[in-house]
Amino acid sequence: MQSSTRDRIIVTTARLLQRQGYVGTGIKQIAKESQATLGSIYHFFPGGKEAVAVAAIRHGEQEFAALLKEALDSEPDPADAVVSCTRQLAAGLKESGWVDGCPVTAAALETLGGDSDLQQACAEALNGWQRLVLDKLLSCGFPADEAGELATTVISAIEGAEVTAQVNRSEEPLLAVGRQLARLVRSYGIAAAHR
């Protein structure tokens, strides 16, 4: 019972952060929408709203990492894998009515310039996603220094495209970024040699 209440709080908070950001999400709203009492929230998260948000960011990070890994593993060629990822993200975003974007973007933007646990959780999420792309590129024979920069570029471009897609209520920004990132990845001439 305790585990399911805690999990409900985390999942609800993750969705609220995704849709309305950290500042726009109140502890009372979290309690109401997760069907938990304020006492339960403070029992599981003595640090209050920020502690719940950190757990929610980590949950969102894991969800997105699973989607990203699945997309990267779905294609042996890294360029095709990037396209697969952006297609999946575009479809999911459209299906959500343009509200379920990146699980950390809103919170990350609201914590810029700070040194909080929430900001740290956002940084860890982004760095973890970059490592997944890096691992894919390295496994395909990319040199480490180039793979590192390319992984950063891929995640940064996808994050920006996701926000642009949400704002424009269109899949095209993600699809366009997928096509351009694939072109960039192929320009190294490594993917074709490792098919």
N, C-alpha and C. Protein backbone atom coordinates (compact mmCIF):
# COMPACT_ATOMS: atom_id res chain seq x y z
N MET A 1 0.84 -1.21 0.00
CA MET A 1 0.00 0.00 0.00
C MET A 1 0.86 1.26 0.00
N GLN A 2 1.87 1.30 0.89
CA GLN A 2 2.72 2.49 0.95
C GLN A 2 3.44 2.71 -0.37
N SER A 3 3.94 1.62 -0.95
CA SER A 3 4.66 1.75 -2.21
C SER A 3 3.76 2.30 -3.32
N SER A 4 2.51 1.81 -3.39
CA SER A 4 1.63 2.29 -4.44
C SER A 4 1.24 3.75 -4.24
N THR A 5 1.07 4.18 -3.00
CA THR A 5 0.78 5.59 -2.73
C THR A 5 1.97 6.45 -3.14
N ARG A 6 3.15 6.04 -2.76
CA ARG A 6 4.37 6.77 -3.12
C ARG A 6 4.51 6.84 -4.65
N ASP A 7 4.31 5.69 -5.30
CA ASP A 7 4.42 5.66 -6.76
C ASP A 7 3.39 6.56 -7.42
N ARG A 8 2.17 6.56 -6.91
CA ARG A 8 1.12 7.43 -7.46
C ARG A 8 1.52 8.89 -7.34
N ILE A 9 2.08 9.26 -6.21
CA ILE A 9 2.52 10.64 -6.00
C ILE A 9 3.60 11.01 -7.02
N ILE A 10 4.55 10.11 -7.22
CA ILE A 10 5.66 10.38 -8.15
C ILE A 10 5.15 10.50 -9.58
N VAL A 11 4.34 9.54 -10.01
CA VAL A 11 3.85 9.54 -11.39
C VAL A 11 2.97 10.76 -11.65
N THR A 12 2.10 11.08 -10.70
CA THR A 12 1.25 12.26 -10.85
C THR A 12 2.09 13.53 -10.94
N THR A 13 3.07 13.64 -10.08
CA THR A 13 3.94 14.83 -10.09
C THR A 13 4.71 14.92 -11.39
N ALA A 14 5.18 13.79 -11.89
CA ALA A 14 5.91 13.80 -13.16
C ALA A 14 5.04 14.35 -14.28
N ARG A 15 3.78 13.92 -14.34
CA ARG A 15 2.87 14.41 -15.38
C ARG A 15 2.57 15.89 -15.20
N LEU A 16 2.38 16.31 -13.97
CA LEU A 16 2.10 17.73 -13.72
C LEU A 16 3.30 18.59 -14.09
N LEU A 17 4.50 18.16 -13.74
CA LEU A 17 5.70 18.93 -14.09
C LEU A 17 5.86 19.00 -15.60
N GLN A 18 5.58 17.90 -16.25
CA GLN A 18 5.68 17.83 -17.71
C GLN A 18 4.73 18.82 -18.37
N ARG A 19 3.55 18.96 -17.80
CA ARG A 19 2.52 19.79 -18.41
C ARG A 19 2.51 21.23 -17.95
N GLN A 20 2.92 21.50 -16.71
CA GLN A 20 2.80 22.87 -16.22
C GLN A 20 4.02 23.39 -15.48
N GLY A 21 5.09 22.61 -15.44
CA GLY A 21 6.33 23.08 -14.83
C GLY A 21 6.33 22.99 -13.31
N TYR A 22 7.47 23.28 -12.75
CA TYR A 22 7.66 23.20 -11.30
C TYR A 22 6.90 24.31 -10.58
N VAL A 23 7.06 25.52 -11.06
CA VAL A 23 6.43 26.68 -10.42
C VAL A 23 4.91 26.55 -10.47
N GLY A 24 4.39 26.04 -11.58
CA GLY A 24 2.94 25.94 -11.75
C GLY A 24 2.30 24.75 -11.05
N THR A 25 3.11 23.91 -10.44
CA THR A 25 2.59 22.72 -9.78
C THR A 25 2.64 22.91 -8.26
N GLY A 26 1.50 22.85 -7.64
CA GLY A 26 1.42 23.02 -6.18
C GLY A 26 1.30 21.69 -5.46
N ILE A 27 1.73 21.69 -4.22
CA ILE A 27 1.70 20.48 -3.40
C ILE A 27 0.26 20.01 -3.16
N LYS A 28 -0.67 20.94 -3.03
CA LYS A 28 -2.08 20.56 -2.84
C LYS A 28 -2.64 19.90 -4.10
N GLN A 29 -2.24 20.41 -5.26
CA GLN A 29 -2.67 19.81 -6.51
C GLN A 29 -2.11 18.40 -6.65
N ILE A 30 -0.85 18.23 -6.26
CA ILE A 30 -0.24 16.89 -6.30
C ILE A 30 -1.04 15.94 -5.42
N ALA A 31 -1.36 16.39 -4.22
CA ALA A 31 -2.13 15.54 -3.29
C ALA A 31 -3.49 15.18 -3.89
N LYS A 32 -4.18 16.17 -4.40
CA LYS A 32 -5.52 15.94 -4.94
C LYS A 32 -5.49 14.98 -6.12
N GLU A 33 -4.60 15.24 -7.08
CA GLU A 33 -4.59 14.44 -8.30
C GLU A 33 -3.99 13.05 -8.10
N SER A 34 -3.17 12.88 -7.07
CA SER A 34 -2.62 11.55 -6.80
C SER A 34 -3.47 10.78 -5.79
N GLN A 35 -4.55 11.42 -5.33
CA GLN A 35 -5.45 10.84 -4.34
C GLN A 35 -4.68 10.43 -3.09
N ALA A 36 -3.83 11.35 -2.64
CA ALA A 36 -3.03 11.15 -1.43
C ALA A 36 -3.26 12.33 -0.50
N THR A 37 -3.01 12.13 0.75
CA THR A 37 -3.12 13.23 1.71
C THR A 37 -1.81 14.01 1.72
N LEU A 38 -1.89 15.25 2.19
CA LEU A 38 -0.67 16.03 2.37
C LEU A 38 0.27 15.32 3.35
N GLY A 39 -0.32 14.69 4.36
CA GLY A 39 0.48 13.94 5.33
C GLY A 39 1.27 12.82 4.66
N SER A 40 0.65 12.14 3.70
CA SER A 40 1.35 11.07 2.97
C SER A 40 2.50 11.64 2.16
N ILE A 41 2.26 12.75 1.53
CA ILE A 41 3.32 13.36 0.72
C ILE A 41 4.52 13.70 1.61
N TYR A 42 4.26 14.34 2.73
CA TYR A 42 5.36 14.73 3.61
C TYR A 42 5.98 13.52 4.31
N HIS A 43 5.20 12.45 4.46
CA HIS A 43 5.75 11.22 5.03
C HIS A 43 6.79 10.63 4.07
N PHE A 44 6.43 10.53 2.79
CA PHE A 44 7.34 9.95 1.81
C PHE A 44 8.41 10.93 1.35
N PHE A 45 8.09 12.20 1.40
CA PHE A 45 9.01 13.23 0.90
C PHE A 45 9.11 14.35 1.92
N PRO A 46 9.89 14.13 2.99
CA PRO A 46 10.00 15.14 4.06
C PRO A 46 10.51 16.50 3.56
N GLY A 47 11.18 16.49 2.41
CA GLY A 47 11.68 17.74 1.83
C GLY A 47 10.62 18.53 1.10
N GLY A 48 9.37 18.04 1.09
CA GLY A 48 8.26 18.78 0.48
C GLY A 48 8.28 18.75 -1.03
N LYS A 49 7.80 19.83 -1.61
CA LYS A 49 7.59 19.91 -3.06
C LYS A 49 8.87 19.61 -3.85
N GLU A 50 9.99 20.16 -3.44
CA GLU A 50 11.21 19.92 -4.21
C GLU A 50 11.60 18.45 -4.17
N ALA A 51 11.46 17.80 -3.04
CA ALA A 51 11.80 16.38 -2.93
C ALA A 51 10.90 15.52 -3.82
N VAL A 52 9.61 15.85 -3.85
CA VAL A 52 8.69 15.13 -4.73
C VAL A 52 9.08 15.37 -6.18
N ALA A 53 9.40 16.60 -6.51
CA ALA A 53 9.77 16.96 -7.88
C ALA A 53 11.04 16.23 -8.32
N VAL A 54 12.01 16.12 -7.44
CA VAL A 54 13.25 15.40 -7.78
C VAL A 54 12.92 13.93 -8.10
N ALA A 55 12.10 13.31 -7.27
CA ALA A 55 11.70 11.92 -7.54
C ALA A 55 10.94 11.82 -8.86
N ALA A 56 10.11 12.80 -9.14
CA ALA A 56 9.34 12.80 -10.38
C ALA A 56 10.24 12.99 -11.60
N ILE A 57 11.23 13.85 -11.49
CA ILE A 57 12.18 14.06 -12.58
C ILE A 57 12.94 12.77 -12.84
N ARG A 58 13.36 12.09 -11.79
CA ARG A 58 14.08 10.82 -11.96
C ARG A 58 13.18 9.77 -12.62
N HIS A 59 11.91 9.78 -12.25
CA HIS A 59 10.95 8.86 -12.88
C HIS A 59 10.82 9.19 -14.37
N GLY A 60 10.64 10.47 -14.69
CA GLY A 60 10.52 10.89 -16.08
C GLY A 60 11.78 10.59 -16.87
N GLU A 61 12.92 10.75 -16.23
CA GLU A 61 14.20 10.46 -16.88
C GLU A 61 14.25 8.99 -17.26
N GLN A 62 13.82 8.12 -16.38
CA GLN A 62 13.83 6.69 -16.67
C GLN A 62 12.86 6.32 -17.76
N GLU A 63 11.68 6.93 -17.75
CA GLU A 63 10.70 6.67 -18.80
C GLU A 63 11.25 7.07 -20.17
N PHE A 64 11.82 8.28 -20.24
CA PHE A 64 12.35 8.74 -21.52
C PHE A 64 13.57 7.93 -21.93
N ALA A 65 14.41 7.54 -20.97
CA ALA A 65 15.58 6.73 -21.28
C ALA A 65 15.15 5.39 -21.88
N ALA A 66 14.08 4.80 -21.37
CA ALA A 66 13.58 3.54 -21.92
C ALA A 66 13.11 3.73 -23.36
N LEU A 67 12.37 4.82 -23.62
CA LEU A 67 11.90 5.11 -24.98
C LEU A 67 13.10 5.34 -25.91
N LEU A 68 14.06 6.12 -25.44
CA LEU A 68 15.24 6.43 -26.25
C LEU A 68 16.04 5.17 -26.55
N LYS A 69 16.25 4.36 -25.54
CA LYS A 69 17.02 3.12 -25.73
C LYS A 69 16.31 2.19 -26.70
N GLU A 70 15.01 2.08 -26.56
CA GLU A 70 14.25 1.23 -27.47
C GLU A 70 14.39 1.72 -28.90
N ALA A 71 14.29 3.03 -29.09
CA ALA A 71 14.42 3.60 -30.44
C ALA A 71 15.84 3.39 -30.98
N LEU A 72 16.84 3.61 -30.15
CA LEU A 72 18.23 3.44 -30.59
C LEU A 72 18.53 1.99 -30.92
N ASP A 73 17.95 1.07 -30.15
CA ASP A 73 18.18 -0.35 -30.37
C ASP A 73 17.37 -0.91 -31.54
N SER A 74 16.35 -0.15 -31.98
CA SER A 74 15.45 -0.65 -33.03
C SER A 74 16.10 -0.67 -34.41
N GLU A 75 17.17 0.07 -34.57
CA GLU A 75 17.85 0.17 -35.86
C GLU A 75 19.35 -0.02 -35.66
N PRO A 76 19.98 -0.86 -36.46
CA PRO A 76 21.43 -1.03 -36.31
C PRO A 76 22.21 0.23 -36.72
N ASP A 77 21.67 0.96 -37.69
CA ASP A 77 22.34 2.16 -38.16
C ASP A 77 21.98 3.34 -37.24
N PRO A 78 22.96 4.08 -36.71
CA PRO A 78 22.64 5.16 -35.78
C PRO A 78 21.81 6.28 -36.40
N ALA A 79 21.99 6.56 -37.69
CA ALA A 79 21.19 7.60 -38.34
C ALA A 79 19.72 7.19 -38.38
N ASP A 80 19.47 5.94 -38.73
CA ASP A 80 18.10 5.44 -38.75
C ASP A 80 17.51 5.40 -37.34
N ALA A 81 18.35 5.10 -36.36
CA ALA A 81 17.90 5.05 -34.96
C ALA A 81 17.45 6.42 -34.48
N VAL A 82 18.16 7.47 -34.87
CA VAL A 82 17.78 8.84 -34.49
C VAL A 82 16.44 9.19 -35.12
N VAL A 83 16.25 8.83 -36.38
CA VAL A 83 14.98 9.10 -37.05
C VAL A 83 13.86 8.34 -36.34
N SER A 84 14.11 7.12 -35.97
CA SER A 84 13.10 6.33 -35.26
C SER A 84 12.70 7.01 -33.95
N CYS A 85 13.68 7.54 -33.25
CA CYS A 85 13.42 8.23 -31.98
C CYS A 85 12.55 9.46 -32.19
N THR A 86 12.90 10.29 -33.16
CA THR A 86 12.11 11.51 -33.37
C THR A 86 10.70 11.19 -33.86
N ARG A 87 10.55 10.13 -34.63
CA ARG A 87 9.21 9.73 -35.07
C ARG A 87 8.36 9.29 -33.88
N GLN A 88 8.95 8.49 -32.99
CA GLN A 88 8.22 8.04 -31.81
C GLN A 88 7.82 9.21 -30.92
N LEU A 89 8.75 10.13 -30.73
CA LEU A 89 8.45 11.31 -29.91
C LEU A 89 7.35 12.15 -30.53
N ALA A 90 7.43 12.35 -31.84
CA ALA A 90 6.40 13.15 -32.53
C ALA A 90 5.03 12.50 -32.40
N ALA A 91 4.97 11.20 -32.58
CA ALA A 91 3.69 10.50 -32.48
C ALA A 91 3.13 10.58 -31.05
N GLY A 92 4.00 10.39 -30.06
CA GLY A 92 3.56 10.46 -28.67
C GLY A 92 3.09 11.84 -28.28
N LEU A 93 3.78 12.84 -28.75
CA LEU A 93 3.41 14.23 -28.45
C LEU A 93 2.06 14.57 -29.07
N LYS A 94 1.87 14.18 -30.32
CA LYS A 94 0.59 14.43 -30.99
C LYS A 94 -0.54 13.70 -30.26
N GLU A 95 -0.29 12.45 -29.90
CA GLU A 95 -1.30 11.65 -29.21
C GLU A 95 -1.71 12.26 -27.87
N SER A 96 -0.78 12.93 -27.22
CA SER A 96 -1.07 13.55 -25.91
C SER A 96 -1.79 14.89 -26.05
N GLY A 97 -2.05 15.32 -27.26
CA GLY A 97 -2.65 16.63 -27.45
C GLY A 97 -1.64 17.75 -27.25
N TRP A 98 -0.37 17.43 -27.49
CA TRP A 98 0.75 18.38 -27.43
C TRP A 98 1.10 18.81 -26.01
N VAL A 99 0.71 18.04 -24.99
CA VAL A 99 1.01 18.45 -23.61
C VAL A 99 2.09 17.62 -22.93
N ASP A 100 2.33 16.39 -23.39
CA ASP A 100 3.30 15.53 -22.71
C ASP A 100 4.65 15.55 -23.42
N GLY A 101 5.34 16.65 -23.26
CA GLY A 101 6.65 16.79 -23.86
C GLY A 101 7.73 16.18 -22.98
N CYS A 102 8.91 16.73 -23.07
CA CYS A 102 10.04 16.23 -22.30
C CYS A 102 9.74 16.30 -20.81
N PRO A 103 10.05 15.23 -20.08
CA PRO A 103 9.75 15.22 -18.65
C PRO A 103 10.60 16.16 -17.80
N VAL A 104 11.65 16.74 -18.36
CA VAL A 104 12.48 17.62 -17.54
C VAL A 104 12.59 19.05 -18.04
N THR A 105 12.16 19.31 -19.27
CA THR A 105 12.38 20.63 -19.87
C THR A 105 11.87 21.79 -19.03
N ALA A 106 10.60 21.73 -18.64
CA ALA A 106 10.03 22.86 -17.89
C ALA A 106 10.75 23.06 -16.57
N ALA A 107 10.99 21.99 -15.85
CA ALA A 107 11.69 22.12 -14.56
C ALA A 107 13.12 22.60 -14.76
N ALA A 108 13.77 22.11 -15.81
CA ALA A 108 15.15 22.53 -16.08
C ALA A 108 15.23 24.03 -16.33
N LEU A 109 14.31 24.54 -17.14
CA LEU A 109 14.32 25.97 -17.45
C LEU A 109 14.04 26.82 -16.21
N GLU A 110 13.21 26.31 -15.33
CA GLU A 110 12.87 27.06 -14.12
C GLU A 110 13.96 27.02 -13.06
N THR A 111 14.94 26.14 -13.22
CA THR A 111 16.00 26.03 -12.21
C THR A 111 17.34 26.55 -12.71
N LEU A 112 17.34 27.17 -13.89
CA LEU A 112 18.60 27.70 -14.43
C LEU A 112 19.22 28.69 -13.45
N GLY A 113 20.52 28.60 -13.33
CA GLY A 113 21.23 29.53 -12.46
C GLY A 113 21.22 29.12 -11.00
N GLY A 114 20.50 28.07 -10.69
CA GLY A 114 20.44 27.61 -9.30
C GLY A 114 21.33 26.40 -9.10
N ASP A 115 21.45 26.02 -7.86
CA ASP A 115 22.25 24.85 -7.52
C ASP A 115 21.44 23.98 -6.57
N SER A 116 20.24 23.61 -7.03
CA SER A 116 19.33 22.84 -6.18
C SER A 116 19.38 21.36 -6.55
N ASP A 117 18.78 20.55 -5.72
CA ASP A 117 18.66 19.13 -6.02
C ASP A 117 17.84 18.92 -7.30
N LEU A 118 16.85 19.77 -7.51
CA LEU A 118 16.01 19.67 -8.70
C LEU A 118 16.84 19.96 -9.96
N GLN A 119 17.63 20.99 -9.92
CA GLN A 119 18.49 21.32 -11.06
C GLN A 119 19.46 20.18 -11.32
N GLN A 120 20.01 19.61 -10.27
CA GLN A 120 20.95 18.50 -10.40
C GLN A 120 20.26 17.28 -11.04
N ALA A 121 19.04 16.99 -10.64
CA ALA A 121 18.29 15.87 -11.22
C ALA A 121 18.04 16.10 -12.72
N CYS A 122 17.75 17.34 -13.10
CA CYS A 122 17.56 17.67 -14.52
C CYS A 122 18.85 17.46 -15.30
N ALA A 123 19.96 17.92 -14.74
CA ALA A 123 21.25 17.76 -15.41
C ALA A 123 21.60 16.28 -15.56
N GLU A 124 21.35 15.50 -14.52
CA GLU A 124 21.64 14.07 -14.59
C GLU A 124 20.79 13.39 -15.66
N ALA A 125 19.54 13.81 -15.79
CA ALA A 125 18.66 13.23 -16.80
C ALA A 125 19.22 13.51 -18.20
N LEU A 126 19.53 14.74 -18.49
CA LEU A 126 20.05 15.10 -19.81
C LEU A 126 21.37 14.39 -20.10
N ASN A 127 22.24 14.34 -19.10
CA ASN A 127 23.53 13.66 -19.28
C ASN A 127 23.34 12.16 -19.50
N GLY A 128 22.36 11.56 -18.82
CA GLY A 128 22.09 10.14 -19.02
C GLY A 128 21.61 9.84 -20.42
N TRP A 129 20.75 10.70 -20.95
CA TRP A 129 20.26 10.51 -22.31
C TRP A 129 21.39 10.66 -23.32
N GLN A 130 22.29 11.62 -23.07
CA GLN A 130 23.44 11.78 -23.96
C GLN A 130 24.31 10.53 -23.95
N ARG A 131 24.46 9.92 -22.76
CA ARG A 131 25.26 8.69 -22.67
C ARG A 131 24.66 7.56 -23.50
N LEU A 132 23.33 7.47 -23.53
CA LEU A 132 22.69 6.43 -24.35
C LEU A 132 23.02 6.62 -25.83
N VAL A 133 22.94 7.86 -26.29
CA VAL A 133 23.28 8.15 -27.69
C VAL A 133 24.78 7.90 -27.92
N LEU A 134 25.60 8.33 -26.98
CA LEU A 134 27.04 8.11 -27.07
C LEU A 134 27.35 6.62 -27.19
N ASP A 135 26.72 5.80 -26.36
CA ASP A 135 26.96 4.35 -26.40
C ASP A 135 26.61 3.78 -27.77
N LYS A 136 25.50 4.25 -28.35
CA LYS A 136 25.10 3.78 -29.68
C LYS A 136 26.16 4.15 -30.71
N LEU A 137 26.62 5.39 -30.66
CA LEU A 137 27.61 5.85 -31.63
C LEU A 137 28.94 5.11 -31.47
N LEU A 138 29.36 4.92 -30.24
CA LEU A 138 30.61 4.20 -30.00
C LEU A 138 30.51 2.76 -30.50
N SER A 139 29.35 2.14 -30.27
CA SER A 139 29.18 0.74 -30.71
C SER A 139 29.18 0.62 -32.24
N CYS A 140 28.95 1.73 -32.91
CA CYS A 140 28.96 1.74 -34.38
C CYS A 140 30.32 2.16 -34.95
N GLY A 141 31.28 2.42 -34.08
CA GLY A 141 32.62 2.73 -34.54
C GLY A 141 33.01 4.19 -34.59
N PHE A 142 32.18 5.07 -34.05
CA PHE A 142 32.55 6.49 -34.03
C PHE A 142 33.69 6.70 -33.04
N PRO A 143 34.65 7.56 -33.38
CA PRO A 143 35.70 7.91 -32.41
C PRO A 143 35.08 8.62 -31.20
N ALA A 144 35.63 8.39 -30.02
CA ALA A 144 35.04 8.87 -28.77
C ALA A 144 34.81 10.38 -28.75
N ASP A 145 35.78 11.17 -29.21
CA ASP A 145 35.62 12.63 -29.14
C ASP A 145 34.50 13.11 -30.06
N GLU A 146 34.44 12.56 -31.25
CA GLU A 146 33.37 12.94 -32.16
C GLU A 146 32.02 12.42 -31.68
N ALA A 147 32.00 11.23 -31.15
CA ALA A 147 30.75 10.64 -30.64
C ALA A 147 30.19 11.46 -29.49
N GLY A 148 31.07 11.96 -28.62
CA GLY A 148 30.62 12.77 -27.49
C GLY A 148 29.94 14.05 -27.93
N GLU A 149 30.56 14.75 -28.87
CA GLU A 149 29.96 15.98 -29.37
C GLU A 149 28.68 15.71 -30.15
N LEU A 150 28.67 14.64 -30.91
CA LEU A 150 27.50 14.30 -31.70
C LEU A 150 26.33 13.90 -30.79
N ALA A 151 26.61 13.18 -29.71
CA ALA A 151 25.57 12.80 -28.75
C ALA A 151 24.95 14.04 -28.11
N THR A 152 25.79 15.00 -27.76
CA THR A 152 25.30 16.25 -27.19
C THR A 152 24.42 16.98 -28.20
N THR A 153 24.84 17.01 -29.45
CA THR A 153 24.07 17.66 -30.50
C THR A 153 22.72 16.98 -30.70
N VAL A 154 22.71 15.66 -30.71
CA VAL A 154 21.46 14.92 -30.93
C VAL A 154 20.45 15.23 -29.83
N ILE A 155 20.87 15.12 -28.57
CA ILE A 155 19.93 15.36 -27.47
C ILE A 155 19.49 16.83 -27.44
N SER A 156 20.41 17.74 -27.65
CA SER A 156 20.06 19.16 -27.64
C SER A 156 19.07 19.50 -28.75
N ALA A 157 19.30 18.95 -29.94
CA ALA A 157 18.40 19.22 -31.06
C ALA A 157 17.02 18.61 -30.82
N ILE A 158 16.99 17.40 -30.30
CA ILE A 158 15.70 16.75 -30.03
C ILE A 158 14.93 17.52 -28.97
N GLU A 159 15.61 17.95 -27.91
CA GLU A 159 14.94 18.72 -26.85
C GLU A 159 14.33 20.01 -27.42
N GLY A 160 15.10 20.72 -28.22
CA GLY A 160 14.59 21.95 -28.81
C GLY A 160 13.45 21.69 -29.77
N ALA A 161 13.56 20.63 -30.56
CA ALA A 161 12.51 20.30 -31.53
C ALA A 161 11.23 19.91 -30.82
N GLU A 162 11.36 19.25 -29.68
CA GLU A 162 10.16 18.85 -28.95
C GLU A 162 9.38 20.07 -28.45
N VAL A 163 10.09 21.04 -27.94
CA VAL A 163 9.44 22.27 -27.49
C VAL A 163 8.80 22.98 -28.68
N THR A 164 9.52 23.07 -29.78
CA THR A 164 8.99 23.73 -30.97
C THR A 164 7.75 23.01 -31.49
N ALA A 165 7.77 21.68 -31.46
CA ALA A 165 6.60 20.90 -31.89
C ALA A 165 5.40 21.18 -30.99
N GLN A 166 5.65 21.26 -29.69
CA GLN A 166 4.55 21.56 -28.77
C GLN A 166 3.95 22.93 -29.04
N VAL A 167 4.80 23.92 -29.18
CA VAL A 167 4.34 25.29 -29.38
C VAL A 167 3.54 25.40 -30.68
N ASN A 168 4.02 24.73 -31.72
CA ASN A 168 3.37 24.80 -33.02
C ASN A 168 2.29 23.74 -33.23
N ARG A 169 2.16 22.85 -32.25
CA ARG A 169 1.19 21.76 -32.34
C ARG A 169 1.34 21.03 -33.67
N SER A 170 2.58 20.65 -33.94
CA SER A 170 2.92 20.01 -35.20
C SER A 170 4.05 19.01 -34.98
N GLU A 171 3.97 17.87 -35.64
CA GLU A 171 5.03 16.86 -35.58
C GLU A 171 6.26 17.28 -36.39
N GLU A 172 6.06 18.18 -37.33
CA GLU A 172 7.11 18.48 -38.31
C GLU A 172 8.45 18.93 -37.69
N PRO A 173 8.48 19.76 -36.64
CA PRO A 173 9.80 20.11 -36.11
C PRO A 173 10.61 18.89 -35.66
N LEU A 174 9.97 17.93 -35.03
CA LEU A 174 10.69 16.72 -34.62
C LEU A 174 11.09 15.88 -35.83
N LEU A 175 10.21 15.76 -36.79
CA LEU A 175 10.53 14.97 -37.97
C LEU A 175 11.66 15.62 -38.78
N ALA A 176 11.62 16.94 -38.90
CA ALA A 176 12.67 17.66 -39.62
C ALA A 176 14.02 17.51 -38.91
N VAL A 177 14.01 17.64 -37.60
CA VAL A 177 15.26 17.48 -36.84
C VAL A 177 15.78 16.05 -36.99
N GLY A 178 14.88 15.08 -36.98
CA GLY A 178 15.31 13.70 -37.19
C GLY A 178 16.01 13.51 -38.52
N ARG A 179 15.42 14.08 -39.57
CA ARG A 179 16.02 13.96 -40.90
C ARG A 179 17.39 14.64 -40.94
N GLN A 180 17.47 15.83 -40.36
CA GLN A 180 18.74 16.57 -40.40
C GLN A 180 19.82 15.91 -39.53
N LEU A 181 19.41 15.39 -38.37
CA LEU A 181 20.38 14.68 -37.53
C LEU A 181 20.87 13.42 -38.23
N ALA A 182 19.99 12.72 -38.91
CA ALA A 182 20.39 11.52 -39.66
C ALA A 182 21.41 11.89 -40.73
N ARG A 183 21.16 13.00 -41.41
CA ARG A 183 22.10 13.47 -42.43
C ARG A 183 23.46 13.79 -41.79
N LEU A 184 23.43 14.43 -40.63
CA LEU A 184 24.67 14.73 -39.93
C LEU A 184 25.41 13.46 -39.53
N VAL A 185 24.70 12.52 -38.94
CA VAL A 185 25.33 11.26 -38.52
C VAL A 185 25.93 10.53 -39.73
N ARG A 186 25.19 10.51 -40.82
CA ARG A 186 25.69 9.83 -42.03
C ARG A 186 26.91 10.54 -42.64
N SER A 187 27.02 11.84 -42.40
CA SER A 187 28.13 12.59 -43.00
C SER A 187 29.49 12.11 -42.48
N TYR A 188 29.50 11.40 -41.37
CA TYR A 188 30.76 10.86 -40.86
C TYR A 188 31.23 9.65 -41.66
N GLY A 189 30.33 9.06 -42.43
CA GLY A 189 30.70 7.92 -43.26
C GLY A 189 30.96 6.65 -42.48
N ILE A 190 30.59 6.64 -41.21
CA ILE A 190 30.88 5.49 -40.36
C ILE A 190 29.72 4.51 -40.37
N ALA A 191 28.52 5.01 -40.37
CA ALA A 191 27.34 4.14 -40.26
C ALA A 191 27.28 3.12 -41.40
N ALA A 192 27.55 3.57 -42.62
CA ALA A 192 27.46 2.66 -43.77
C ALA A 192 28.46 1.52 -43.65
N ALA A 193 29.60 1.78 -43.06
CA ALA A 193 30.64 0.76 -42.94
C ALA A 193 30.31 -0.29 -41.87
N HIS A 194 29.35 0.03 -40.98
CA HIS A 194 29.04 -0.88 -39.86
C HIS A 194 27.64 -1.46 -39.95
N ARG A 195 27.06 -1.48 -41.12
CA ARG A 195 25.71 -2.06 -41.26
C ARG A 195 25.80 -3.55 -41.32
